[in-house]
Amino acid sequence: MVVRKFPRFPFTMPSTLVQRDKLRYKASVKDLSVKGCRLESTIRPFTGMMVELLLELPGEATPIHISNATVRWSGSQGLGVEFLTMAPADEERLKRVVEQLSVQAGQALVFPKGELPKA
């Protein structure tokens, strides 16, 4: 069993993986935390590759933009991505989604406004 600093919650949503500011690949988020996610995609980036992510939330016109993320693992279960930097407004939106998922899972995470847990 993998022990994580930040719990991930099952959640499926479309996303776009951006490589080197131009190459865009469709991906699907399969689980989500405040500091990362697991994706399924047609590409298999190498561990350590730097990427951007656009997380397309249902019912919202503007995706959450993760401006800097790194691939931590890649394999038959997809790929694991750690979020490194994003704008404060996107951070708040991400926290709100993860809080909702945690309540649905019966774990009820609550983050103080303006604060994300430190890695």
PDB file of N, CA and C in Angstrom:
ATOM      1  N   MET A   1       0.834  -1.182   0.000  1.00  0.00           N
ATOM      2  CA  MET A   1       0.000   0.000   0.000  1.00  0.00           C
ATOM      3  C   MET A   1       0.884   1.252   0.000  1.00  0.00           C
ATOM      4  N   VAL A   2       0.541   2.214  -0.837  1.00  0.00           N
ATOM      5  CA  VAL A   2       1.285   3.453  -0.926  1.00  0.00           C
ATOM      6  C   VAL A   2       0.783   4.405   0.156  1.00  0.00           C
ATOM      7  N   VAL A   3       1.703   4.972   0.939  1.00  0.00           N
ATOM      8  CA  VAL A   3       1.340   5.962   1.941  1.00  0.00           C
ATOM      9  C   VAL A   3       1.598   7.341   1.336  1.00  0.00           C
ATOM     10  N   ARG A   4       0.599   8.196   1.358  1.00  0.00           N
ATOM     11  CA  ARG A   4       0.710   9.523   0.750  1.00  0.00           C
ATOM     12  C   ARG A   4       0.648  10.606   1.810  1.00  0.00           C
ATOM     13  N   LYS A   5       1.331  11.710   1.534  1.00  0.00           N
ATOM     14  CA  LYS A   5       1.260  12.871   2.424  1.00  0.00           C
ATOM     15  C   LYS A   5      -0.128  13.507   2.354  1.00  0.00           C
ATOM     16  N   PHE A   6      -0.727  13.469   1.161  1.00  0.00           N
ATOM     17  CA  PHE A   6      -2.020  14.097   0.926  1.00  0.00           C
ATOM     18  C   PHE A   6      -2.947  13.064   0.305  1.00  0.00           C
ATOM     19  N   PRO A   7      -4.082  12.798   0.934  1.00  0.00           N
ATOM     20  CA  PRO A   7      -4.977  11.764   0.408  1.00  0.00           C
ATOM     21  C   PRO A   7      -5.509  12.118  -0.977  1.00  0.00           C
ATOM     22  N   ARG A   8      -5.587  11.095  -1.810  1.00  0.00           N
ATOM     23  CA  ARG A   8      -6.180  11.248  -3.135  1.00  0.00           C
ATOM     24  C   ARG A   8      -7.580  10.656  -3.109  1.00  0.00           C
ATOM     25  N   PHE A   9      -8.451  11.267  -3.889  1.00  0.00           N
ATOM     26  CA  PHE A   9      -9.841  10.838  -3.934  1.00  0.00           C
ATOM     27  C   PHE A   9     -10.219  10.494  -5.364  1.00  0.00           C
ATOM     28  N   PRO A  10     -10.973   9.401  -5.558  1.00  0.00           N
ATOM     29  CA  PRO A  10     -11.407   9.042  -6.906  1.00  0.00           C
ATOM     30  C   PRO A  10     -12.219  10.178  -7.513  1.00  0.00           C
ATOM     31  N   PHE A  11     -11.883  10.528  -8.736  1.00  0.00           N
ATOM     32  CA  PHE A  11     -12.563  11.621  -9.424  1.00  0.00           C
ATOM     33  C   PHE A  11     -12.166  11.558 -10.883  1.00  0.00           C
ATOM     34  N   THR A  12     -13.116  11.485 -11.766  1.00  0.00           N
ATOM     35  CA  THR A  12     -12.823  11.433 -13.193  1.00  0.00           C
ATOM     36  C   THR A  12     -13.220  12.743 -13.838  1.00  0.00           C
ATOM     37  N   MET A  13     -12.264  13.342 -14.561  1.00  0.00           N
ATOM     38  CA  MET A  13     -12.552  14.562 -15.313  1.00  0.00           C
ATOM     39  C   MET A  13     -11.552  14.679 -16.457  1.00  0.00           C
ATOM     40  N   PRO A  14     -11.956  15.317 -17.539  1.00  0.00           N
ATOM     41  CA  PRO A  14     -11.027  15.514 -18.643  1.00  0.00           C
ATOM     42  C   PRO A  14      -9.957  16.540 -18.267  1.00  0.00           C
ATOM     43  N   SER A  15      -8.823  16.396 -18.904  1.00  0.00           N
ATOM     44  CA  SER A  15      -7.736  17.336 -18.676  1.00  0.00           C
ATOM     45  C   SER A  15      -6.858  17.380 -19.916  1.00  0.00           C
ATOM     46  N   THR A  16      -5.967  18.366 -19.936  1.00  0.00           N
ATOM     47  CA  THR A  16      -4.998  18.502 -21.015  1.00  0.00           C
ATOM     48  C   THR A  16      -3.617  18.561 -20.395  1.00  0.00           C
ATOM     49  N   LEU A  17      -2.731  17.757 -20.898  1.00  0.00           N
ATOM     50  CA  LEU A  17      -1.341  17.716 -20.464  1.00  0.00           C
ATOM     51  C   LEU A  17      -0.546  18.512 -21.494  1.00  0.00           C
ATOM     52  N   VAL A  18       0.193  19.531 -21.045  1.00  0.00           N
ATOM     53  CA  VAL A  18       0.947  20.388 -21.956  1.00  0.00           C
ATOM     54  C   VAL A  18       2.435  20.158 -21.729  1.00  0.00           C
ATOM     55  N   GLN A  19       3.128  19.845 -22.802  1.00  0.00           N
ATOM     56  CA  GLN A  19       4.561  19.584 -22.733  1.00  0.00           C
ATOM     57  C   GLN A  19       5.302  20.670 -23.508  1.00  0.00           C
ATOM     58  N   ARG A  20       6.295  21.251 -22.874  1.00  0.00           N
ATOM     59  CA  ARG A  20       7.151  22.271 -23.508  1.00  0.00           C
ATOM     60  C   ARG A  20       6.358  23.422 -24.101  1.00  0.00           C
ATOM     61  N   ASP A  21       5.362  23.892 -23.411  1.00  0.00           N
ATOM     62  CA  ASP A  21       4.547  25.053 -23.795  1.00  0.00           C
ATOM     63  C   ASP A  21       3.787  24.912 -25.110  1.00  0.00           C
ATOM     64  N   LYS A  22       3.815  23.753 -25.750  1.00  0.00           N
ATOM     65  CA  LYS A  22       3.119  23.677 -27.028  1.00  0.00           C
ATOM     66  C   LYS A  22       2.473  22.337 -27.326  1.00  0.00           C
ATOM     67  N   LEU A  23       3.100  21.242 -26.971  1.00  0.00           N
ATOM     68  CA  LEU A  23       2.532  19.941 -27.288  1.00  0.00           C
ATOM     69  C   LEU A  23       1.417  19.626 -26.293  1.00  0.00           C
ATOM     70  N   ARG A  24       0.208  19.423 -26.807  1.00  0.00           N
ATOM     71  CA  ARG A  24      -0.952  19.198 -25.948  1.00  0.00           C
ATOM     72  C   ARG A  24      -1.499  17.789 -26.167  1.00  0.00           C
ATOM     73  N   TYR A  25      -1.794  17.116 -25.054  1.00  0.00           N
ATOM     74  CA  TYR A  25      -2.313  15.760 -25.105  1.00  0.00           C
ATOM     75  C   TYR A  25      -3.554  15.679 -24.220  1.00  0.00           C
ATOM     76  N   LYS A  26      -4.567  15.009 -24.717  1.00  0.00           N
ATOM     77  CA  LYS A  26      -5.750  14.768 -23.904  1.00  0.00           C
ATOM     78  C   LYS A  26      -5.406  13.742 -22.826  1.00  0.00           C
ATOM     79  N   ALA A  27      -5.961  13.965 -21.659  1.00  0.00           N
ATOM     80  CA  ALA A  27      -5.752  13.049 -20.539  1.00  0.00           C
ATOM     81  C   ALA A  27      -7.034  13.010 -19.729  1.00  0.00           C
ATOM     82  N   SER A  28      -7.114  12.053 -18.837  1.00  0.00           N
ATOM     83  CA  SER A  28      -8.266  11.927 -17.953  1.00  0.00           C
ATOM     84  C   SER A  28      -7.766  11.734 -16.529  1.00  0.00           C
ATOM     85  N   VAL A  29      -8.172  12.642 -15.642  1.00  0.00           N
ATOM     86  CA  VAL A  29      -7.826  12.507 -14.227  1.00  0.00           C
ATOM     87  C   VAL A  29      -8.620  11.341 -13.666  1.00  0.00           C
ATOM     88  N   LYS A  30      -7.967  10.504 -12.866  1.00  0.00           N
ATOM     89  CA  LYS A  30      -8.629   9.353 -12.250  1.00  0.00           C
ATOM     90  C   LYS A  30      -8.702   9.471 -10.735  1.00  0.00           C
ATOM     91  N   ASP A  31      -7.770  10.193 -10.135  1.00  0.00           N
ATOM     92  CA  ASP A  31      -7.882  10.557  -8.722  1.00  0.00           C
ATOM     93  C   ASP A  31      -7.136  11.863  -8.508  1.00  0.00           C
ATOM     94  N   LEU A  32      -7.492  12.548  -7.405  1.00  0.00           N
ATOM     95  CA  LEU A  32      -7.053  13.926  -7.221  1.00  0.00           C
ATOM     96  C   LEU A  32      -6.757  14.218  -5.762  1.00  0.00           C
ATOM     97  N   SER A  33      -5.702  15.000  -5.519  1.00  0.00           N
ATOM     98  CA  SER A  33      -5.401  15.543  -4.188  1.00  0.00           C
ATOM     99  C   SER A  33      -5.019  17.006  -4.376  1.00  0.00           C
ATOM    100  N   VAL A  34      -4.726  17.690  -3.283  1.00  0.00           N
ATOM    101  CA  VAL A  34      -4.325  19.093  -3.396  1.00  0.00           C
ATOM    102  C   VAL A  34      -2.923  19.250  -3.965  1.00  0.00           C
ATOM    103  N   LYS A  35      -2.152  18.187  -3.978  1.00  0.00           N
ATOM    104  CA  LYS A  35      -0.770  18.270  -4.453  1.00  0.00           C
ATOM    105  C   LYS A  35      -0.459  17.367  -5.630  1.00  0.00           C
ATOM    106  N   GLY A  36      -1.467  16.681  -6.184  1.00  0.00           N
ATOM    107  CA  GLY A  36      -1.178  15.825  -7.321  1.00  0.00           C
ATOM    108  C   GLY A  36      -2.381  15.050  -7.789  1.00  0.00           C
ATOM    109  N   CYS A  37      -2.148  14.220  -8.815  1.00  0.00           N
ATOM    110  CA  CYS A  37      -3.230  13.405  -9.356  1.00  0.00           C
ATOM    111  C   CYS A  37      -2.652  12.220 -10.122  1.00  0.00           C
ATOM    112  N   ARG A  38      -3.553  11.285 -10.441  1.00  0.00           N
ATOM    113  CA  ARG A  38      -3.222  10.191 -11.344  1.00  0.00           C
ATOM    114  C   ARG A  38      -4.006  10.423 -12.616  1.00  0.00           C
ATOM    115  N   LEU A  39      -3.319  10.316 -13.747  1.00  0.00           N
ATOM    116  CA  LEU A  39      -3.912  10.549 -15.056  1.00  0.00           C
ATOM    117  C   LEU A  39      -3.800   9.305 -15.921  1.00  0.00           C
ATOM    118  N   GLU A  40      -4.698   9.202 -16.878  1.00  0.00           N
ATOM    119  CA  GLU A  40      -4.549   8.252 -17.969  1.00  0.00           C
ATOM    120  C   GLU A  40      -4.432   9.083 -19.235  1.00  0.00           C
ATOM    121  N   SER A  41      -3.475   8.719 -20.089  1.00  0.00           N
ATOM    122  CA  SER A  41      -3.237   9.450 -21.321  1.00  0.00           C
ATOM    123  C   SER A  41      -2.614   8.519 -22.351  1.00  0.00           C
ATOM    124  N   THR A  42      -2.656   8.925 -23.597  1.00  0.00           N
ATOM    125  CA  THR A  42      -2.042   8.127 -24.653  1.00  0.00           C
ATOM    126  C   THR A  42      -0.528   8.255 -24.631  1.00  0.00           C
ATOM    127  N   ILE A  43       0.001   9.300 -24.021  1.00  0.00           N
ATOM    128  CA  ILE A  43       1.455   9.457 -23.969  1.00  0.00           C
ATOM    129  C   ILE A  43       2.000   8.853 -22.681  1.00  0.00           C
ATOM    130  N   ARG A  44       3.255   8.519 -22.688  1.00  0.00           N
ATOM    131  CA  ARG A  44       3.953   8.002 -21.516  1.00  0.00           C
ATOM    132  C   ARG A  44       5.183   8.865 -21.267  1.00  0.00           C
ATOM    133  N   PRO A  45       5.005   9.989 -20.588  1.00  0.00           N
ATOM    134  CA  PRO A  45       6.159  10.842 -20.307  1.00  0.00           C
ATOM    135  C   PRO A  45       7.113  10.159 -19.335  1.00  0.00           C
ATOM    136  N   PHE A  46       8.351  10.588 -19.342  1.00  0.00           N
ATOM    137  CA  PHE A  46       9.336   9.995 -18.453  1.00  0.00           C
ATOM    138  C   PHE A  46       9.243  10.612 -17.057  1.00  0.00           C
ATOM    139  N   THR A  47       9.677   9.868 -16.069  1.00  0.00           N
ATOM    140  CA  THR A  47       9.704  10.342 -14.689  1.00  0.00           C
ATOM    141  C   THR A  47      10.615  11.562 -14.619  1.00  0.00           C
ATOM    142  N   GLY A  48      10.116  12.620 -13.988  1.00  0.00           N
ATOM    143  CA  GLY A  48      10.875  13.858 -13.875  1.00  0.00           C
ATOM    144  C   GLY A  48      10.520  14.898 -14.919  1.00  0.00           C
ATOM    145  N   MET A  49       9.761  14.513 -15.944  1.00  0.00           N
ATOM    146  CA  MET A  49       9.382  15.464 -16.984  1.00  0.00           C
ATOM    147  C   MET A  49       8.519  16.576 -16.392  1.00  0.00           C
ATOM    148  N   MET A  50       8.797  17.808 -16.763  1.00  0.00           N
ATOM    149  CA  MET A  50       8.015  18.949 -16.327  1.00  0.00           C
ATOM    150  C   MET A  50       6.870  19.170 -17.310  1.00  0.00           C
ATOM    151  N   VAL A  51       5.667  19.374 -16.785  1.00  0.00           N
ATOM    152  CA  VAL A  51       4.478  19.564 -17.615  1.00  0.00           C
ATOM    153  C   VAL A  51       3.588  20.644 -17.003  1.00  0.00           C
ATOM    154  N   GLU A  52       2.627  21.074 -17.785  1.00  0.00           N
ATOM    155  CA  GLU A  52       1.517  21.901 -17.303  1.00  0.00           C
ATOM    156  C   GLU A  52       0.271  21.030 -17.390  1.00  0.00           C
ATOM    157  N   LEU A  53      -0.715  21.347 -16.570  1.00  0.00           N
ATOM    158  CA  LEU A  53      -1.985  20.627 -16.623  1.00  0.00           C
ATOM    159  C   LEU A  53      -3.131  21.619 -16.644  1.00  0.00           C
ATOM    160  N   LEU A  54      -4.136  21.297 -17.425  1.00  0.00           N
ATOM    161  CA  LEU A  54      -5.395  22.039 -17.412  1.00  0.00           C
ATOM    162  C   LEU A  54      -6.462  21.063 -16.968  1.00  0.00           C
ATOM    163  N   LEU A  55      -7.010  21.284 -15.777  1.00  0.00           N
ATOM    164  CA  LEU A  55      -8.033  20.407 -15.208  1.00  0.00           C
ATOM    165  C   LEU A  55      -9.403  20.997 -15.519  1.00  0.00           C
ATOM    166  N   GLU A  56     -10.185  20.291 -16.304  1.00  0.00           N
ATOM    167  CA  GLU A  56     -11.464  20.783 -16.800  1.00  0.00           C
ATOM    168  C   GLU A  56     -12.596  20.341 -15.875  1.00  0.00           C
ATOM    169  N   LEU A  57     -12.971  21.217 -14.953  1.00  0.00           N
ATOM    170  CA  LEU A  57     -14.016  20.894 -13.981  1.00  0.00           C
ATOM    171  C   LEU A  57     -15.390  20.902 -14.629  1.00  0.00           C
ATOM    172  N   PRO A  58     -16.229  19.941 -14.268  1.00  0.00           N
ATOM    173  CA  PRO A  58     -17.584  19.902 -14.813  1.00  0.00           C
ATOM    174  C   PRO A  58     -18.343  21.182 -14.461  1.00  0.00           C
ATOM    175  N   GLY A  59     -19.005  21.756 -15.444  1.00  0.00           N
ATOM    176  CA  GLY A  59     -19.833  22.930 -15.216  1.00  0.00           C
ATOM    177  C   GLY A  59     -19.078  24.243 -15.110  1.00  0.00           C
ATOM    178  N   GLU A  60     -17.763  24.230 -15.303  1.00  0.00           N
ATOM    179  CA  GLU A  60     -16.981  25.462 -15.236  1.00  0.00           C
ATOM    180  C   GLU A  60     -16.306  25.712 -16.581  1.00  0.00           C
ATOM    181  N   ALA A  61     -16.364  26.957 -17.046  1.00  0.00           N
ATOM    182  CA  ALA A  61     -15.821  27.300 -18.361  1.00  0.00           C
ATOM    183  C   ALA A  61     -14.297  27.365 -18.371  1.00  0.00           C
ATOM    184  N   THR A  62     -13.703  27.757 -17.251  1.00  0.00           N
ATOM    185  CA  THR A  62     -12.257  27.943 -17.185  1.00  0.00           C
ATOM    186  C   THR A  62     -11.616  26.793 -16.424  1.00  0.00           C
ATOM    187  N   PRO A  63     -10.635  26.114 -17.038  1.00  0.00           N
ATOM    188  CA  PRO A  63      -9.975  25.020 -16.321  1.00  0.00           C
ATOM    189  C   PRO A  63      -9.055  25.539 -15.217  1.00  0.00           C
ATOM    190  N   ILE A  64      -8.771  24.674 -14.245  1.00  0.00           N
ATOM    191  CA  ILE A  64      -7.740  24.967 -13.250  1.00  0.00           C
ATOM    192  C   ILE A  64      -6.409  24.773 -13.970  1.00  0.00           C
ATOM    193  N   HIS A  65      -5.554  25.792 -13.922  1.00  0.00           N
ATOM    194  CA  HIS A  65      -4.271  25.745 -14.625  1.00  0.00           C
ATOM    195  C   HIS A  65      -3.152  25.464 -13.626  1.00  0.00           C
ATOM    196  N   ILE A  66      -2.573  24.279 -13.734  1.00  0.00           N
ATOM    197  CA  ILE A  66      -1.396  23.924 -12.945  1.00  0.00           C
ATOM    198  C   ILE A  66      -0.204  24.305 -13.813  1.00  0.00           C
ATOM    199  N   SER A  67       0.438  25.419 -13.501  1.00  0.00           N
ATOM    200  CA  SER A  67       1.472  25.963 -14.388  1.00  0.00           C
ATOM    201  C   SER A  67       2.773  25.186 -14.354  1.00  0.00           C
ATOM    202  N   ASN A  68       3.010  24.461 -13.283  1.00  0.00           N
ATOM    203  CA  ASN A  68       4.258  23.721 -13.164  1.00  0.00           C
ATOM    204  C   ASN A  68       3.982  22.445 -12.371  1.00  0.00           C
ATOM    205  N   ALA A  69       4.214  21.309 -13.023  1.00  0.00           N
ATOM    206  CA  ALA A  69       4.021  20.012 -12.383  1.00  0.00           C
ATOM    207  C   ALA A  69       5.106  19.069 -12.889  1.00  0.00           C
ATOM    208  N   THR A  70       5.337  18.003 -12.139  1.00  0.00           N
ATOM    209  CA  THR A  70       6.343  17.031 -12.556  1.00  0.00           C
ATOM    210  C   THR A  70       5.764  15.620 -12.519  1.00  0.00           C
ATOM    211  N   VAL A  71       6.152  14.833 -13.491  1.00  0.00           N
ATOM    212  CA  VAL A  71       5.733  13.440 -13.551  1.00  0.00           C
ATOM    213  C   VAL A  71       6.563  12.670 -12.528  1.00  0.00           C
ATOM    214  N   ARG A  72       5.900  12.024 -11.577  1.00  0.00           N
ATOM    215  CA  ARG A  72       6.585  11.257 -10.532  1.00  0.00           C
ATOM    216  C   ARG A  72       6.698   9.776 -10.878  1.00  0.00           C
ATOM    217  N   TRP A  73       5.741   9.264 -11.650  1.00  0.00           N
ATOM    218  CA  TRP A  73       5.800   7.872 -12.091  1.00  0.00           C
ATOM    219  C   TRP A  73       4.934   7.705 -13.328  1.00  0.00           C
ATOM    220  N   SER A  74       5.229   6.674 -14.084  1.00  0.00           N
ATOM    221  CA  SER A  74       4.474   6.369 -15.287  1.00  0.00           C
ATOM    222  C   SER A  74       4.486   4.852 -15.475  1.00  0.00           C
ATOM    223  N   GLY A  75       3.326   4.281 -15.757  1.00  0.00           N
ATOM    224  CA  GLY A  75       3.262   2.834 -15.919  1.00  0.00           C
ATOM    225  C   GLY A  75       1.906   2.382 -16.410  1.00  0.00           C
ATOM    226  N   SER A  76       1.586   1.124 -16.178  1.00  0.00           N
ATOM    227  CA  SER A  76       0.344   0.543 -16.681  1.00  0.00           C
ATOM    228  C   SER A  76      -0.900   1.162 -16.032  1.00  0.00           C
ATOM    229  N   GLN A  77      -0.749   1.762 -14.867  1.00  0.00           N
ATOM    230  CA  GLN A  77      -1.875   2.403 -14.180  1.00  0.00           C
ATOM    231  C   GLN A  77      -2.016   3.876 -14.542  1.00  0.00           C
ATOM    232  N   GLY A  78      -1.260   4.336 -15.535  1.00  0.00           N
ATOM    233  CA  GLY A  78      -1.307   5.731 -15.943  1.00  0.00           C
ATOM    234  C   GLY A  78      -0.045   6.451 -15.524  1.00  0.00           C
ATOM    235  N   LEU A  79      -0.209   7.692 -15.068  1.00  0.00           N
ATOM    236  CA  LEU A  79       0.946   8.450 -14.596  1.00  0.00           C
ATOM    237  C   LEU A  79       0.571   9.293 -13.398  1.00  0.00           C
ATOM    238  N   GLY A  80       1.515   9.446 -12.499  1.00  0.00           N
ATOM    239  CA  GLY A  80       1.320  10.250 -11.300  1.00  0.00           C
ATOM    240  C   GLY A  80       2.024  11.580 -11.469  1.00  0.00           C
ATOM    241  N   VAL A  81       1.309  12.650 -11.182  1.00  0.00           N
ATOM    242  CA  VAL A  81       1.836  13.998 -11.360  1.00  0.00           C
ATOM    243  C   VAL A  81       1.756  14.744 -10.038  1.00  0.00           C
ATOM    244  N   GLU A  82       2.844  15.411  -9.684  1.00  0.00           N
ATOM    245  CA  GLU A  82       2.880  16.273  -8.499  1.00  0.00           C
ATOM    246  C   GLU A  82       2.733  17.719  -8.947  1.00  0.00           C
ATOM    247  N   PHE A  83       1.796  18.447  -8.315  1.00  0.00           N
ATOM    248  CA  PHE A  83       1.591  19.858  -8.620  1.00  0.00           C
ATOM    249  C   PHE A  83       2.637  20.684  -7.873  1.00  0.00           C
ATOM    250  N   LEU A  84       3.358  21.536  -8.586  1.00  0.00           N
ATOM    251  CA  LEU A  84       4.384  22.358  -7.963  1.00  0.00           C
ATOM    252  C   LEU A  84       3.945  23.808  -7.791  1.00  0.00           C
ATOM    253  N   THR A  85       3.419  24.424  -8.844  1.00  0.00           N
ATOM    254  CA  THR A  85       2.960  25.812  -8.736  1.00  0.00           C
ATOM    255  C   THR A  85       1.692  26.042  -9.546  1.00  0.00           C
ATOM    256  N   MET A  86       0.873  26.949  -9.008  1.00  0.00           N
ATOM    257  CA  MET A  86      -0.335  27.409  -9.695  1.00  0.00           C
ATOM    258  C   MET A  86      -0.721  28.752  -9.095  1.00  0.00           C
ATOM    259  N   ALA A  87      -1.528  29.490  -9.813  1.00  0.00           N
ATOM    260  CA  ALA A  87      -1.995  30.789  -9.332  1.00  0.00           C
ATOM    261  C   ALA A  87      -2.854  30.598  -8.087  1.00  0.00           C
ATOM    262  N   PRO A  88      -2.836  31.579  -7.171  1.00  0.00           N
ATOM    263  CA  PRO A  88      -3.646  31.469  -5.947  1.00  0.00           C
ATOM    264  C   PRO A  88      -5.136  31.184  -6.205  1.00  0.00           C
ATOM    265  N   ALA A  89      -5.704  31.792  -7.228  1.00  0.00           N
ATOM    266  CA  ALA A  89      -7.124  31.559  -7.518  1.00  0.00           C
ATOM    267  C   ALA A  89      -7.357  30.104  -7.924  1.00  0.00           C
ATOM    268  N   ASP A  90      -6.440  29.529  -8.696  1.00  0.00           N
ATOM    269  CA  ASP A  90      -6.570  28.124  -9.082  1.00  0.00           C
ATOM    270  C   ASP A  90      -6.353  27.213  -7.881  1.00  0.00           C
ATOM    271  N   GLU A  91      -5.452  27.601  -6.989  1.00  0.00           N
ATOM    272  CA  GLU A  91      -5.212  26.845  -5.761  1.00  0.00           C
ATOM    273  C   GLU A  91      -6.485  26.769  -4.920  1.00  0.00           C
ATOM    274  N   GLU A  92      -7.186  27.889  -4.804  1.00  0.00           N
ATOM    275  CA  GLU A  92      -8.447  27.922  -4.044  1.00  0.00           C
ATOM    276  C   GLU A  92      -9.507  27.037  -4.688  1.00  0.00           C
ATOM    277  N   ARG A  93      -9.603  27.084  -6.008  1.00  0.00           N
ATOM    278  CA  ARG A  93     -10.574  26.242  -6.715  1.00  0.00           C
ATOM    279  C   ARG A  93     -10.256  24.763  -6.512  1.00  0.00           C
ATOM    280  N   LEU A  94      -8.971  24.414  -6.591  1.00  0.00           N
ATOM    281  CA  LEU A  94      -8.556  23.029  -6.387  1.00  0.00           C
ATOM    282  C   LEU A  94      -8.878  22.579  -4.963  1.00  0.00           C
ATOM    283  N   LYS A  95      -8.574  23.410  -3.986  1.00  0.00           N
ATOM    284  CA  LYS A  95      -8.889  23.067  -2.588  1.00  0.00           C
ATOM    285  C   LYS A  95     -10.386  22.818  -2.416  1.00  0.00           C
ATOM    286  N   ARG A  96     -11.203  23.656  -3.026  1.00  0.00           N
ATOM    287  CA  ARG A  96     -12.660  23.515  -2.917  1.00  0.00           C
ATOM    288  C   ARG A  96     -13.106  22.158  -3.474  1.00  0.00           C
ATOM    289  N   VAL A  97     -12.566  21.774  -4.617  1.00  0.00           N
ATOM    290  CA  VAL A  97     -12.930  20.485  -5.224  1.00  0.00           C
ATOM    291  C   VAL A  97     -12.501  19.331  -4.327  1.00  0.00           C
ATOM    292  N   VAL A  98     -11.257  19.380  -3.822  1.00  0.00           N
ATOM    293  CA  VAL A  98     -10.752  18.296  -2.971  1.00  0.00           C
ATOM    294  C   VAL A  98     -11.532  18.227  -1.661  1.00  0.00           C
ATOM    295  N   GLU A  99     -11.889  19.367  -1.100  1.00  0.00           N
ATOM    296  CA  GLU A  99     -12.719  19.371   0.117  1.00  0.00           C
ATOM    297  C   GLU A  99     -14.048  18.673  -0.146  1.00  0.00           C
ATOM    298  N   GLN A 100     -14.683  18.971  -1.281  1.00  0.00           N
ATOM    299  CA  GLN A 100     -15.955  18.329  -1.624  1.00  0.00           C
ATOM    300  C   GLN A 100     -15.784  16.823  -1.786  1.00  0.00           C
ATOM    301  N   LEU A 101     -14.707  16.417  -2.449  1.00  0.00           N
ATOM    302  CA  LEU A 101     -14.443  14.986  -2.628  1.00  0.00           C
ATOM    303  C   LEU A 101     -14.191  14.293  -1.291  1.00  0.00           C
ATOM    304  N   SER A 102     -13.484  14.983  -0.380  1.00  0.00           N
ATOM    305  CA  SER A 102     -13.183  14.388   0.923  1.00  0.00           C
ATOM    306  C   SER A 102     -14.460  14.187   1.745  1.00  0.00           C
ATOM    307  N   VAL A 103     -15.385  15.131   1.656  1.00  0.00           N
ATOM    308  CA  VAL A 103     -16.658  14.993   2.368  1.00  0.00           C
ATOM    309  C   VAL A 103     -17.439  13.808   1.795  1.00  0.00           C
ATOM    310  N   GLN A 104     -17.468  13.702   0.468  1.00  0.00           N
ATOM    311  CA  GLN A 104     -18.164  12.582  -0.168  1.00  0.00           C
ATOM    312  C   GLN A 104     -17.560  11.242   0.240  1.00  0.00           C
ATOM    313  N   ALA A 105     -16.234  11.232   0.488  1.00  0.00           N
ATOM    314  CA  ALA A 105     -15.547  10.000   0.881  1.00  0.00           C
ATOM    315  C   ALA A 105     -15.604   9.766   2.387  1.00  0.00           C
ATOM    316  N   GLY A 106     -16.208  10.696   3.133  1.00  0.00           N
ATOM    317  CA  GLY A 106     -16.329  10.548   4.577  1.00  0.00           C
ATOM    318  C   GLY A 106     -15.078  10.924   5.349  1.00  0.00           C
ATOM    319  N   GLN A 107     -14.175  11.695   4.730  1.00  0.00           N
ATOM    320  CA  GLN A 107     -12.930  12.088   5.396  1.00  0.00           C
ATOM    321  C   GLN A 107     -12.882  13.563   5.760  1.00  0.00           C
ATOM    322  N   ALA A 108     -13.733  14.374   5.202  1.00  0.00           N
ATOM    323  CA  ALA A 108     -13.924  15.786   5.548  1.00  0.00           C
ATOM    324  C   ALA A 108     -12.646  16.574   5.814  1.00  0.00           C
ATOM    325  N   LEU A 109     -11.811  16.733   4.789  1.00  0.00           N
ATOM    326  CA  LEU A 109     -10.643  17.616   4.891  1.00  0.00           C
ATOM    327  C   LEU A 109     -11.125  19.061   4.784  1.00  0.00           C
ATOM    328  N   VAL A 110     -10.573  19.926   5.595  1.00  0.00           N
ATOM    329  CA  VAL A 110     -10.895  21.347   5.505  1.00  0.00           C
ATOM    330  C   VAL A 110      -9.582  22.111   5.560  1.00  0.00           C
ATOM    331  N   PHE A 111      -9.363  22.975   4.573  1.00  0.00           N
ATOM    332  CA  PHE A 111      -8.137  23.764   4.510  1.00  0.00           C
ATOM    333  C   PHE A 111      -8.447  25.203   4.866  1.00  0.00           C
ATOM    334  N   PRO A 112      -7.613  25.836   5.719  1.00  0.00           N
ATOM    335  CA  PRO A 112      -7.814  27.263   5.989  1.00  0.00           C
ATOM    336  C   PRO A 112      -7.723  28.065   4.717  1.00  0.00           C
ATOM    337  N   LYS A 113      -8.508  29.123   4.618  1.00  0.00           N
ATOM    338  CA  LYS A 113      -8.499  29.961   3.422  1.00  0.00           C
ATOM    339  C   LYS A 113      -7.087  30.476   3.173  1.00  0.00           C
ATOM    340  N   GLY A 114      -6.648  30.388   1.933  1.00  0.00           N
ATOM    341  CA  GLY A 114      -5.343  30.909   1.554  1.00  0.00           C
ATOM    342  C   GLY A 114      -4.177  30.007   1.902  1.00  0.00           C
ATOM    343  N   GLU A 115      -4.451  28.812   2.418  1.00  0.00           N
ATOM    344  CA  GLU A 115      -3.347  27.925   2.798  1.00  0.00           C
ATOM    345  C   GLU A 115      -3.533  26.550   2.209  1.00  0.00           C
ATOM    346  N   LEU A 116      -2.462  26.046   1.618  1.00  0.00           N
ATOM    347  CA  LEU A 116      -2.407  24.655   1.230  1.00  0.00           C
ATOM    348  C   LEU A 116      -1.384  23.977   2.118  1.00  0.00           C
ATOM    349  N   PRO A 117      -1.556  22.723   2.417  1.00  0.00           N
ATOM    350  CA  PRO A 117      -0.557  22.023   3.216  1.00  0.00           C
ATOM    351  C   PRO A 117       0.789  22.040   2.496  1.00  0.00           C
ATOM    352  N   LYS A 118       1.859  22.095   3.248  1.00  0.00           N
ATOM    353  CA  LYS A 118       3.207  22.063   2.683  1.00  0.00           C
ATOM    354  C   LYS A 118       3.623  20.620   2.478  1.00  0.00           C
ATOM    355  N   ALA A 119       4.340  20.390   1.386  1.00  0.00           N
ATOM    356  CA  ALA A 119       4.805  19.036   1.068  1.00  0.00           C
ATOM    357  C   ALA A 119       5.826  18.562   2.067  1.00  0.00           C
TER     358      ALA A 119
END
